[in-house]
């Protein structure tokens, strides 16, 4: 499997530092400060490690059926036309509704594994568009997903309404 990127000592430094930095609300670049203590990791790696594994408020239990239904329903109604899903907002809404803070990885892994499972059940190796995806529990959800844009699909076609004509004034 390989050597883990973070060791216990680094995890403790990150956790302890975040506990101290969270108490002082006006510090903006918390992960950069921790990066200065642990230069072998980037600020982004530290942020991901804390938000997905070390945050003591995270619920590490699997998503319940109601939470899964909520995630699917939320994505159905809030996914942008270009396929963008605002995971941070979804996680905050999950916490507001169920009182449990979930990691971004947990929610993304559920959704994308569900999409992959649906594509396999249809005998299709391509990721299905969200429009064709059937919710995991038809009793809970009855409406389809909005389409997911996998690649930009546009053509730049110049449009000229009327050619510009010079009219001389005498």
Protein backbone atom coordinates (compact mmCIF):
# COMPACT_ATOMS: atom_id res chain seq x y z
CA UNK A 1 0.00 0.00 0.00
CA UNK A 2 2.91 2.36 0.57
CA UNK A 3 4.16 4.73 3.19
CA UNK A 4 1.52 7.12 4.52
CA UNK A 5 2.13 10.76 3.65
CA UNK A 6 1.39 12.01 7.17
CA UNK A 7 2.81 10.50 10.34
CA UNK A 8 1.32 10.66 13.86
CA UNK A 9 3.63 13.48 14.91
CA UNK A 10 2.60 15.64 11.94
CA UNK A 11 -1.07 14.88 12.61
CA UNK A 12 -0.66 15.99 16.23
CA UNK A 13 1.08 19.22 15.20
CA UNK A 14 -1.69 19.99 12.71
CA UNK A 15 -4.48 19.18 15.20
CA UNK A 16 -2.91 21.15 18.05
CA UNK A 17 -2.14 24.12 15.81
CA UNK A 18 -5.68 24.20 14.42
CA UNK A 19 -7.12 24.08 17.95
CA UNK A 20 -5.05 27.15 18.86
CA UNK A 21 -5.63 28.97 15.57
CA UNK A 22 -9.39 28.28 15.57
CA UNK A 23 -9.72 30.12 18.89
CA UNK A 24 -8.28 33.28 17.35
CA UNK A 25 -10.90 33.93 14.68
CA UNK A 26 -9.06 36.76 12.89
CA UNK A 27 -6.17 34.62 11.59
CA UNK A 28 -6.82 34.14 7.88
CA UNK A 29 -4.00 31.94 6.64
CA UNK A 30 -4.05 29.15 9.20
CA UNK A 31 -2.75 26.49 6.85
CA UNK A 32 0.12 28.68 5.69
CA UNK A 33 1.19 29.19 9.32
CA UNK A 34 1.15 25.43 9.88
CA UNK A 35 3.04 24.94 6.61
CA UNK A 36 5.85 27.06 8.08
CA UNK A 37 6.06 24.58 10.97
CA UNK A 38 5.84 21.56 8.63
CA UNK A 39 7.58 22.64 5.40
CA UNK A 40 7.52 19.11 3.95
CA UNK A 41 3.75 19.55 3.33
CA UNK A 42 2.03 22.19 1.24
CA UNK A 43 -0.70 24.37 2.72
CA UNK A 44 -3.21 22.55 0.54
CA UNK A 45 -2.10 19.11 1.81
CA UNK A 46 -2.42 20.33 5.39
CA UNK A 47 -5.88 21.75 4.71
CA UNK A 48 -7.07 18.51 3.09
CA UNK A 49 -5.66 16.40 5.91
CA UNK A 50 -7.37 18.52 8.55
CA UNK A 51 -10.74 18.87 6.83
CA UNK A 52 -11.03 15.20 5.82
CA UNK A 53 -9.35 13.34 8.69
CA UNK A 54 -8.22 15.34 11.73
CA UNK A 55 -11.12 17.69 12.47
CA UNK A 56 -12.55 16.47 15.77
CA UNK A 57 -16.05 17.60 14.78
CA UNK A 58 -16.16 15.22 11.78
CA UNK A 59 -18.58 12.31 11.90
CA UNK A 60 -16.67 9.30 10.58
CA UNK A 61 -19.69 6.97 10.41
CA UNK A 62 -21.07 6.08 6.97
CA UNK A 63 -23.84 8.24 5.54
CA UNK A 64 -27.33 7.17 6.57
CA UNK A 65 -30.13 6.57 4.05
CA UNK A 66 -31.75 9.93 4.81
CA UNK A 67 -28.42 11.69 4.34
CA UNK A 68 -27.85 9.89 1.04
CA UNK A 69 -31.30 10.90 -0.16
CA UNK A 70 -30.62 14.48 0.94
CA UNK A 71 -27.30 14.56 -0.98
CA UNK A 72 -28.95 13.29 -4.17
CA UNK A 73 -31.89 15.68 -3.80
CA UNK A 74 -29.55 18.61 -3.06
CA UNK A 75 -27.39 17.90 -6.10
CA UNK A 76 -30.51 17.52 -8.24
CA UNK A 77 -31.74 20.98 -7.31
CA UNK A 78 -28.46 22.88 -6.86
CA UNK A 79 -26.07 21.56 -9.51
CA UNK A 80 -25.08 24.31 -11.94
CA UNK A 81 -25.79 24.05 -15.67
CA UNK A 82 -22.07 23.50 -16.34
CA UNK A 83 -22.02 20.52 -13.95
CA UNK A 84 -20.36 22.27 -11.01
CA UNK A 85 -21.39 21.05 -7.57
CA UNK A 86 -20.59 23.31 -4.61
CA UNK A 87 -19.54 20.62 -2.14
CA UNK A 88 -18.79 23.02 0.72
CA UNK A 89 -22.31 24.42 0.62
CA UNK A 90 -23.75 20.90 0.46
CA UNK A 91 -21.73 19.90 3.53
CA UNK A 92 -22.96 22.95 5.46
CA UNK A 93 -26.56 22.14 4.48
CA UNK A 94 -26.06 18.52 5.58
CA UNK A 95 -24.77 19.74 8.94
CA UNK A 96 -27.69 22.15 9.34
CA UNK A 97 -30.26 19.44 8.58
CA UNK A 98 -28.74 16.42 10.36
CA UNK A 99 -26.38 18.02 12.89
CA UNK A 100 -23.39 15.98 11.68
CA UNK A 101 -20.33 17.42 9.98
CA UNK A 102 -19.26 15.22 7.07
CA UNK A 103 -15.96 15.40 5.21
CA UNK A 104 -15.94 16.51 1.61
CA UNK A 105 -14.36 13.17 0.67
CA UNK A 106 -17.18 11.19 2.31
CA UNK A 107 -19.88 13.04 0.39
CA UNK A 108 -18.00 13.02 -2.93
CA UNK A 109 -17.12 9.33 -2.61
CA UNK A 110 -20.77 8.46 -1.99
CA UNK A 111 -22.02 10.46 -4.96
CA UNK A 112 -19.42 9.40 -7.51
CA UNK A 113 -19.49 5.75 -6.46
CA UNK A 114 -23.28 5.88 -6.83
CA UNK A 115 -22.92 7.31 -10.34
CA UNK A 116 -20.38 4.61 -11.24
CA UNK A 117 -22.63 1.89 -9.80
CA UNK A 118 -25.53 3.16 -11.91
CA UNK A 119 -23.43 3.16 -15.06
CA UNK A 120 -22.33 -0.44 -14.43
CA UNK A 121 -25.88 -1.58 -13.77
CA UNK A 122 -26.80 -0.29 -17.22
CA UNK A 123 -23.92 -2.20 -18.83
CA UNK A 124 -22.30 1.07 -19.79
CA UNK A 125 -18.71 1.88 -18.83
CA UNK A 126 -19.17 5.61 -19.37
CA UNK A 127 -20.17 7.72 -16.41
CA UNK A 128 -23.89 8.33 -16.84
CA UNK A 129 -25.19 11.80 -17.17
CA UNK A 130 -27.00 12.86 -14.07
CA UNK A 131 -30.15 13.12 -16.18
CA UNK A 132 -30.22 9.36 -16.71
CA UNK A 133 -29.25 8.44 -13.16
CA UNK A 134 -31.90 6.71 -11.13
CA UNK A 135 -31.87 7.60 -7.42
CA UNK A 136 -30.79 4.82 -5.06
CA UNK A 137 -34.19 4.77 -3.35
CA UNK A 138 -37.18 5.45 -5.57
CA UNK A 139 -39.44 5.86 -2.55
CA UNK A 140 -37.44 8.86 -1.38
CA UNK A 141 -36.71 10.56 -4.69
CA UNK A 142 -38.85 10.67 -7.78
CA UNK A 143 -37.18 13.28 -9.96
CA UNK A 144 -34.08 12.80 -12.16
CA UNK A 145 -30.75 14.56 -11.81
CA UNK A 146 -29.79 17.63 -13.77
CA UNK A 147 -27.30 16.93 -16.56
CA UNK A 148 -23.61 16.82 -15.75
CA UNK A 149 -21.29 18.51 -18.21
CA UNK A 150 -18.31 16.20 -18.59
CA UNK A 151 -16.59 18.22 -21.33
CA UNK A 152 -17.23 21.69 -22.66
CA UNK A 153 -19.57 21.34 -25.59
CA UNK A 154 -19.75 24.61 -27.44
CA UNK A 155 -18.88 26.10 -30.79
CA UNK A 156 -17.88 29.66 -31.30
CA UNK A 157 -19.98 30.94 -34.19
CA UNK A 158 -19.59 34.61 -34.99
CA UNK A 159 -22.89 36.33 -35.54
CA UNK A 160 -23.19 39.49 -37.59
CA UNK A 161 -26.61 41.04 -37.51
CA UNK A 162 -26.02 43.72 -40.12
CA UNK A 163 -22.80 44.66 -41.80
CA UNK A 164 -21.61 48.09 -40.82
CA UNK A 165 -22.03 50.62 -43.61
CA UNK A 166 -20.58 54.04 -43.74
CA UNK A 167 -23.05 56.71 -44.67
CA UNK A 168 -21.40 59.94 -45.85
CA UNK A 169 -22.89 63.18 -44.57
CA UNK A 170 -23.00 66.12 -47.08
